[in-house]
Amino acid sequence: MYNMGILDRLIRTLLAILFIVLFKFELISGSFGITMLIISSVLLLTSVINHCPFYQLIHFTTRNRGMKGV
């Protein structure tokens, strides 16, 4: 069920935080800012649940096979 590695989750989380901060300080705004907030929420959600539906669709994983349940 899990298909995301630690580095993948870290990058997604950092990008989401970056987008949120840029929106908060109005460096991005309008439709583009809202779109970036939506993208950041998807990045955070997939990072928290450790599962990317797109990866599953294309049978891809960034997870180390030796890690059980992490």
PDB file of N, CA and C in Angstrom:
ATOM      1  N   MET A   1       0.813  -1.189   0.000  1.00  0.00           N
ATOM      2  CA  MET A   1       0.000   0.000   0.000  1.00  0.00           C
ATOM      3  C   MET A   1       0.863   1.262   0.000  1.00  0.00           C
ATOM      4  N   TYR A   2       1.958   1.257   0.742  1.00  0.00           N
ATOM      5  CA  TYR A   2       2.836   2.420   0.770  1.00  0.00           C
ATOM      6  C   TYR A   2       3.730   2.405  -0.463  1.00  0.00           C
ATOM      7  N   ASN A   3       3.868   3.542  -1.125  1.00  0.00           N
ATOM      8  CA  ASN A   3       4.708   3.562  -2.308  1.00  0.00           C
ATOM      9  C   ASN A   3       5.598   4.802  -2.384  1.00  0.00           C
ATOM     10  N   MET A   4       5.790   5.474  -1.249  1.00  0.00           N
ATOM     11  CA  MET A   4       6.625   6.673  -1.227  1.00  0.00           C
ATOM     12  C   MET A   4       7.768   6.507  -0.228  1.00  0.00           C
ATOM     13  N   GLY A   5       8.962   6.854  -0.684  1.00  0.00           N
ATOM     14  CA  GLY A   5      10.130   6.799   0.177  1.00  0.00           C
ATOM     15  C   GLY A   5      10.262   8.059   1.026  1.00  0.00           C
ATOM     16  N   ILE A   6      11.216   8.036   1.919  1.00  0.00           N
ATOM     17  CA  ILE A   6      11.429   9.144   2.844  1.00  0.00           C
ATOM     18  C   ILE A   6      11.808  10.423   2.110  1.00  0.00           C
ATOM     19  N   LEU A   7      12.715  10.325   1.152  1.00  0.00           N
ATOM     20  CA  LEU A   7      13.141  11.515   0.413  1.00  0.00           C
ATOM     21  C   LEU A   7      11.975  12.110  -0.388  1.00  0.00           C
ATOM     22  N   ASP A   8      11.180  11.273  -0.997  1.00  0.00           N
ATOM     23  CA  ASP A   8      10.005  11.721  -1.745  1.00  0.00           C
ATOM     24  C   ASP A   8       9.045  12.479  -0.826  1.00  0.00           C
ATOM     25  N   ARG A   9       8.784  11.922   0.342  1.00  0.00           N
ATOM     26  CA  ARG A   9       7.882  12.568   1.302  1.00  0.00           C
ATOM     27  C   ARG A   9       8.453  13.895   1.788  1.00  0.00           C
ATOM     28  N   LEU A  10       9.752  13.940   2.024  1.00  0.00           N
ATOM     29  CA  LEU A  10      10.390  15.167   2.487  1.00  0.00           C
ATOM     30  C   LEU A  10      10.295  16.262   1.434  1.00  0.00           C
ATOM     31  N   ILE A  11      10.579  15.931   0.193  1.00  0.00           N
ATOM     32  CA  ILE A  11      10.514  16.922  -0.888  1.00  0.00           C
ATOM     33  C   ILE A  11       9.087  17.438  -1.049  1.00  0.00           C
ATOM     34  N   ARG A  12       8.110  16.553  -1.010  1.00  0.00           N
ATOM     35  CA  ARG A  12       6.710  16.972  -1.133  1.00  0.00           C
ATOM     36  C   ARG A  12       6.307  17.903   0.006  1.00  0.00           C
ATOM     37  N   THR A  13       6.719  17.563   1.221  1.00  0.00           N
ATOM     38  CA  THR A  13       6.375  18.386   2.375  1.00  0.00           C
ATOM     39  C   THR A  13       7.028  19.756   2.281  1.00  0.00           C
ATOM     40  N   LEU A  14       8.299  19.803   1.913  1.00  0.00           N
ATOM     41  CA  LEU A  14       8.992  21.090   1.794  1.00  0.00           C
ATOM     42  C   LEU A  14       8.390  21.964   0.691  1.00  0.00           C
ATOM     43  N   LEU A  15       8.026  21.367  -0.434  1.00  0.00           N
ATOM     44  CA  LEU A  15       7.383  22.125  -1.507  1.00  0.00           C
ATOM     45  C   LEU A  15       6.029  22.677  -1.053  1.00  0.00           C
ATOM     46  N   ALA A  16       5.266  21.860  -0.348  1.00  0.00           N
ATOM     47  CA  ALA A  16       3.962  22.307   0.141  1.00  0.00           C
ATOM     48  C   ALA A  16       4.116  23.476   1.111  1.00  0.00           C
ATOM     49  N   ILE A  17       5.081  23.382   2.009  1.00  0.00           N
ATOM     50  CA  ILE A  17       5.326  24.468   2.958  1.00  0.00           C
ATOM     51  C   ILE A  17       5.760  25.727   2.223  1.00  0.00           C
ATOM     52  N   LEU A  18       6.608  25.573   1.227  1.00  0.00           N
ATOM     53  CA  LEU A  18       7.056  26.712   0.431  1.00  0.00           C
ATOM     54  C   LEU A  18       5.874  27.403  -0.249  1.00  0.00           C
ATOM     55  N   PHE A  19       4.996  26.641  -0.883  1.00  0.00           N
ATOM     56  CA  PHE A  19       3.836  27.223  -1.556  1.00  0.00           C
ATOM     57  C   PHE A  19       2.927  27.950  -0.571  1.00  0.00           C
ATOM     58  N   ILE A  20       2.726  27.366   0.601  1.00  0.00           N
ATOM     59  CA  ILE A  20       1.870  27.987   1.610  1.00  0.00           C
ATOM     60  C   ILE A  20       2.485  29.292   2.098  1.00  0.00           C
ATOM     61  N   VAL A  21       3.782  29.299   2.351  1.00  0.00           N
ATOM     62  CA  VAL A  21       4.458  30.516   2.808  1.00  0.00           C
ATOM     63  C   VAL A  21       4.418  31.601   1.729  1.00  0.00           C
ATOM     64  N   LEU A  22       4.657  31.227   0.489  1.00  0.00           N
ATOM     65  CA  LEU A  22       4.594  32.206  -0.599  1.00  0.00           C
ATOM     66  C   LEU A  22       3.203  32.819  -0.712  1.00  0.00           C
ATOM     67  N   PHE A  23       2.172  32.010  -0.521  1.00  0.00           N
ATOM     68  CA  PHE A  23       0.811  32.531  -0.565  1.00  0.00           C
ATOM     69  C   PHE A  23       0.527  33.411   0.645  1.00  0.00           C
ATOM     70  N   LYS A  24       0.981  32.982   1.805  1.00  0.00           N
ATOM     71  CA  LYS A  24       0.741  33.731   3.046  1.00  0.00           C
ATOM     72  C   LYS A  24       1.340  35.138   2.962  1.00  0.00           C
ATOM     73  N   PHE A  25       2.540  35.259   2.405  1.00  0.00           N
ATOM     74  CA  PHE A  25       3.201  36.555   2.300  1.00  0.00           C
ATOM     75  C   PHE A  25       2.899  37.265   0.975  1.00  0.00           C
ATOM     76  N   GLU A  26       1.870  36.766   0.289  1.00  0.00           N
ATOM     77  CA  GLU A  26       1.356  37.369  -0.942  1.00  0.00           C
ATOM     78  C   GLU A  26       2.397  37.516  -2.053  1.00  0.00           C
ATOM     79  N   LEU A  27       3.351  36.589  -2.092  1.00  0.00           N
ATOM     80  CA  LEU A  27       4.295  36.564  -3.201  1.00  0.00           C
ATOM     81  C   LEU A  27       3.678  35.859  -4.399  1.00  0.00           C
ATOM     82  N   ILE A  28       2.694  35.013  -4.135  1.00  0.00           N
ATOM     83  CA  ILE A  28       1.839  34.468  -5.178  1.00  0.00           C
ATOM     84  C   ILE A  28       0.401  34.736  -4.745  1.00  0.00           C
ATOM     85  N   SER A  29      -0.443  35.084  -5.681  1.00  0.00           N
ATOM     86  CA  SER A  29      -1.821  35.418  -5.325  1.00  0.00           C
ATOM     87  C   SER A  29      -2.749  35.125  -6.493  1.00  0.00           C
ATOM     88  N   GLY A  30      -4.009  35.411  -6.302  1.00  0.00           N
ATOM     89  CA  GLY A  30      -4.998  35.209  -7.346  1.00  0.00           C
ATOM     90  C   GLY A  30      -5.227  33.744  -7.656  1.00  0.00           C
ATOM     91  N   SER A  31      -5.593  33.481  -8.895  1.00  0.00           N
ATOM     92  CA  SER A  31      -5.891  32.116  -9.332  1.00  0.00           C
ATOM     93  C   SER A  31      -4.672  31.215  -9.202  1.00  0.00           C
ATOM     94  N   PHE A  32      -3.512  31.762  -9.539  1.00  0.00           N
ATOM     95  CA  PHE A  32      -2.283  30.975  -9.430  1.00  0.00           C
ATOM     96  C   PHE A  32      -2.013  30.594  -7.976  1.00  0.00           C
ATOM     97  N   GLY A  33      -2.205  31.532  -7.063  1.00  0.00           N
ATOM     98  CA  GLY A  33      -1.992  31.259  -5.644  1.00  0.00           C
ATOM     99  C   GLY A  33      -2.936  30.195  -5.118  1.00  0.00           C
ATOM    100  N   ILE A  34      -4.196  30.270  -5.513  1.00  0.00           N
ATOM    101  CA  ILE A  34      -5.170  29.271  -5.076  1.00  0.00           C
ATOM    102  C   ILE A  34      -4.830  27.907  -5.651  1.00  0.00           C
ATOM    103  N   THR A  35      -4.408  27.886  -6.907  1.00  0.00           N
ATOM    104  CA  THR A  35      -3.991  26.626  -7.526  1.00  0.00           C
ATOM    105  C   THR A  35      -2.809  26.024  -6.768  1.00  0.00           C
ATOM    106  N   MET A  36      -1.862  26.853  -6.387  1.00  0.00           N
ATOM    107  CA  MET A  36      -0.698  26.360  -5.645  1.00  0.00           C
ATOM    108  C   MET A  36      -1.103  25.854  -4.261  1.00  0.00           C
ATOM    109  N   LEU A  37      -2.098  26.472  -3.637  1.00  0.00           N
ATOM    110  CA  LEU A  37      -2.592  25.975  -2.345  1.00  0.00           C
ATOM    111  C   LEU A  37      -3.247  24.604  -2.506  1.00  0.00           C
ATOM    112  N   ILE A  38      -3.978  24.421  -3.575  1.00  0.00           N
ATOM    113  CA  ILE A  38      -4.602  23.122  -3.832  1.00  0.00           C
ATOM    114  C   ILE A  38      -3.523  22.063  -4.058  1.00  0.00           C
ATOM    115  N   ILE A  39      -2.522  22.408  -4.849  1.00  0.00           N
ATOM    116  CA  ILE A  39      -1.414  21.482  -5.097  1.00  0.00           C
ATOM    117  C   ILE A  39      -0.680  21.165  -3.796  1.00  0.00           C
ATOM    118  N   SER A  40      -0.461  22.188  -2.960  1.00  0.00           N
ATOM    119  CA  SER A  40       0.245  21.951  -1.699  1.00  0.00           C
ATOM    120  C   SER A  40      -0.569  21.055  -0.774  1.00  0.00           C
ATOM    121  N   SER A  41      -1.897  21.182  -0.795  1.00  0.00           N
ATOM    122  CA  SER A  41      -2.707  20.303   0.055  1.00  0.00           C
ATOM    123  C   SER A  41      -2.627  18.859  -0.428  1.00  0.00           C
ATOM    124  N   VAL A  42      -2.589  18.649  -1.746  1.00  0.00           N
ATOM    125  CA  VAL A  42      -2.440  17.293  -2.284  1.00  0.00           C
ATOM    126  C   VAL A  42      -1.063  16.737  -1.921  1.00  0.00           C
ATOM    127  N   LEU A  43      -0.026  17.565  -2.045  1.00  0.00           N
ATOM    128  CA  LEU A  43       1.327  17.123  -1.686  1.00  0.00           C
ATOM    129  C   LEU A  43       1.402  16.729  -0.213  1.00  0.00           C
ATOM    130  N   LEU A  44       0.815  17.553   0.652  1.00  0.00           N
ATOM    131  CA  LEU A  44       0.828  17.232   2.087  1.00  0.00           C
ATOM    132  C   LEU A  44       0.034  15.968   2.388  1.00  0.00           C
ATOM    133  N   LEU A  45      -1.132  15.842   1.778  1.00  0.00           N
ATOM    134  CA  LEU A  45      -1.961  14.663   2.028  1.00  0.00           C
ATOM    135  C   LEU A  45      -1.246  13.385   1.613  1.00  0.00           C
ATOM    136  N   THR A  46      -0.691  13.377   0.409  1.00  0.00           N
ATOM    137  CA  THR A  46       0.003  12.169  -0.052  1.00  0.00           C
ATOM    138  C   THR A  46       1.240  11.883   0.790  1.00  0.00           C
ATOM    139  N   SER A  47       1.880  12.935   1.277  1.00  0.00           N
ATOM    140  CA  SER A  47       3.048  12.747   2.124  1.00  0.00           C
ATOM    141  C   SER A  47       2.668  12.151   3.480  1.00  0.00           C
ATOM    142  N   VAL A  48       1.572  12.628   4.044  1.00  0.00           N
ATOM    143  CA  VAL A  48       1.133  12.142   5.359  1.00  0.00           C
ATOM    144  C   VAL A  48       0.666  10.691   5.288  1.00  0.00           C
ATOM    145  N   ILE A  49      -0.078  10.354   4.247  1.00  0.00           N
ATOM    146  CA  ILE A  49      -0.578   8.977   4.156  1.00  0.00           C
ATOM    147  C   ILE A  49       0.425   8.033   3.505  1.00  0.00           C
ATOM    148  N   ASN A  50       1.541   8.594   3.016  1.00  0.00           N
ATOM    149  CA  ASN A  50       2.630   7.787   2.456  1.00  0.00           C
ATOM    150  C   ASN A  50       2.176   6.976   1.237  1.00  0.00           C
ATOM    151  N   HIS A  51       1.275   7.547   0.467  1.00  0.00           N
ATOM    152  CA  HIS A  51       0.736   6.848  -0.695  1.00  0.00           C
ATOM    153  C   HIS A  51       0.398   7.849  -1.784  1.00  0.00           C
ATOM    154  N   CYS A  52       0.868   7.591  -2.998  1.00  0.00           N
ATOM    155  CA  CYS A  52       0.567   8.435  -4.149  1.00  0.00           C
ATOM    156  C   CYS A  52      -0.256   7.610  -5.147  1.00  0.00           C
ATOM    157  N   PRO A  53      -1.518   7.993  -5.362  1.00  0.00           N
ATOM    158  CA  PRO A  53      -2.358   7.234  -6.296  1.00  0.00           C
ATOM    159  C   PRO A  53      -1.783   7.189  -7.711  1.00  0.00           C
ATOM    160  N   PHE A  54      -1.135   8.255  -8.159  1.00  0.00           N
ATOM    161  CA  PHE A  54      -0.538   8.264  -9.492  1.00  0.00           C
ATOM    162  C   PHE A  54       0.577   7.225  -9.587  1.00  0.00           C
ATOM    163  N   TYR A  55       1.403   7.117  -8.534  1.00  0.00           N
ATOM    164  CA  TYR A  55       2.452   6.093  -8.522  1.00  0.00           C
ATOM    165  C   TYR A  55       1.838   4.694  -8.646  1.00  0.00           C
ATOM    166  N   GLN A  56       0.728   4.480  -7.950  1.00  0.00           N
ATOM    167  CA  GLN A  56       0.071   3.186  -8.003  1.00  0.00           C
ATOM    168  C   GLN A  56      -0.451   2.917  -9.417  1.00  0.00           C
ATOM    169  N   LEU A  57      -0.982   3.934 -10.063  1.00  0.00           N
ATOM    170  CA  LEU A  57      -1.522   3.793 -11.407  1.00  0.00           C
ATOM    171  C   LEU A  57      -0.457   3.350 -12.410  1.00  0.00           C
ATOM    172  N   ILE A  58       0.753   3.887 -12.261  1.00  0.00           N
ATOM    173  CA  ILE A  58       1.829   3.543 -13.202  1.00  0.00           C
ATOM    174  C   ILE A  58       2.786   2.479 -12.653  1.00  0.00           C
ATOM    175  N   HIS A  59       2.409   1.869 -11.509  1.00  0.00           N
ATOM    176  CA  HIS A  59       3.204   0.801 -10.881  1.00  0.00           C
ATOM    177  C   HIS A  59       4.633   1.263 -10.589  1.00  0.00           C
ATOM    178  N   PHE A  60       4.735   2.405  -9.907  1.00  0.00           N
ATOM    179  CA  PHE A  60       6.022   2.998  -9.567  1.00  0.00           C
ATOM    180  C   PHE A  60       6.104   3.163  -8.061  1.00  0.00           C
ATOM    181  N   THR A  61       7.310   3.086  -7.515  1.00  0.00           N
ATOM    182  CA  THR A  61       7.502   3.315  -6.090  1.00  0.00           C
ATOM    183  C   THR A  61       8.853   3.982  -5.861  1.00  0.00           C
ATOM    184  N   THR A  62       8.915   4.795  -4.823  1.00  0.00           N
ATOM    185  CA  THR A  62      10.191   5.369  -4.395  1.00  0.00           C
ATOM    186  C   THR A  62      10.574   4.797  -3.037  1.00  0.00           C
ATOM    187  N   ARG A  63       9.820   3.847  -2.578  1.00  0.00           N
ATOM    188  CA  ARG A  63      10.022   3.243  -1.268  1.00  0.00           C
ATOM    189  C   ARG A  63      11.082   2.161  -1.339  1.00  0.00           C
ATOM    190  N   ASN A  64      11.899   2.107  -0.313  1.00  0.00           N
ATOM    191  CA  ASN A  64      12.899   1.059  -0.186  1.00  0.00           C
ATOM    192  C   ASN A  64      12.183  -0.243   0.148  1.00  0.00           C
ATOM    193  N   ARG A  65      12.401  -1.262  -0.609  1.00  0.00           N
ATOM    194  CA  ARG A  65      11.691  -2.534  -0.427  1.00  0.00           C
ATOM    195  C   ARG A  65      12.000  -3.192   0.921  1.00  0.00           C
ATOM    196  N   GLY A  66      13.125  -2.868   1.527  1.00  0.00           N
ATOM    197  CA  GLY A  66      13.503  -3.475   2.797  1.00  0.00           C
ATOM    198  C   GLY A  66      12.738  -2.920   3.984  1.00  0.00           C
ATOM    199  N   MET A  67      12.028  -1.811   3.819  1.00  0.00           N
ATOM    200  CA  MET A  67      11.316  -1.170   4.925  1.00  0.00           C
ATOM    201  C   MET A  67       9.901  -1.768   5.006  1.00  0.00           C
ATOM    202  N   LYS A  68       9.607  -2.411   6.103  1.00  0.00           N
ATOM    203  CA  LYS A  68       8.290  -3.017   6.293  1.00  0.00           C
ATOM    204  C   LYS A  68       7.434  -2.119   7.171  1.00  0.00           C
ATOM    205  N   GLY A  69       6.317  -1.634   6.653  1.00  0.00           N
ATOM    206  CA  GLY A  69       5.365  -0.871   7.440  1.00  0.00           C
ATOM    207  C   GLY A  69       5.800   0.508   7.854  1.00  0.00           C
ATOM    208  N   VAL A  70       6.852   1.029   7.275  1.00  0.00           N
ATOM    209  CA  VAL A  70       7.330   2.363   7.656  1.00  0.00           C
ATOM    210  C   VAL A  70       6.798   3.371   6.688  1.00  0.00           C
TER     211      VAL A  70
END
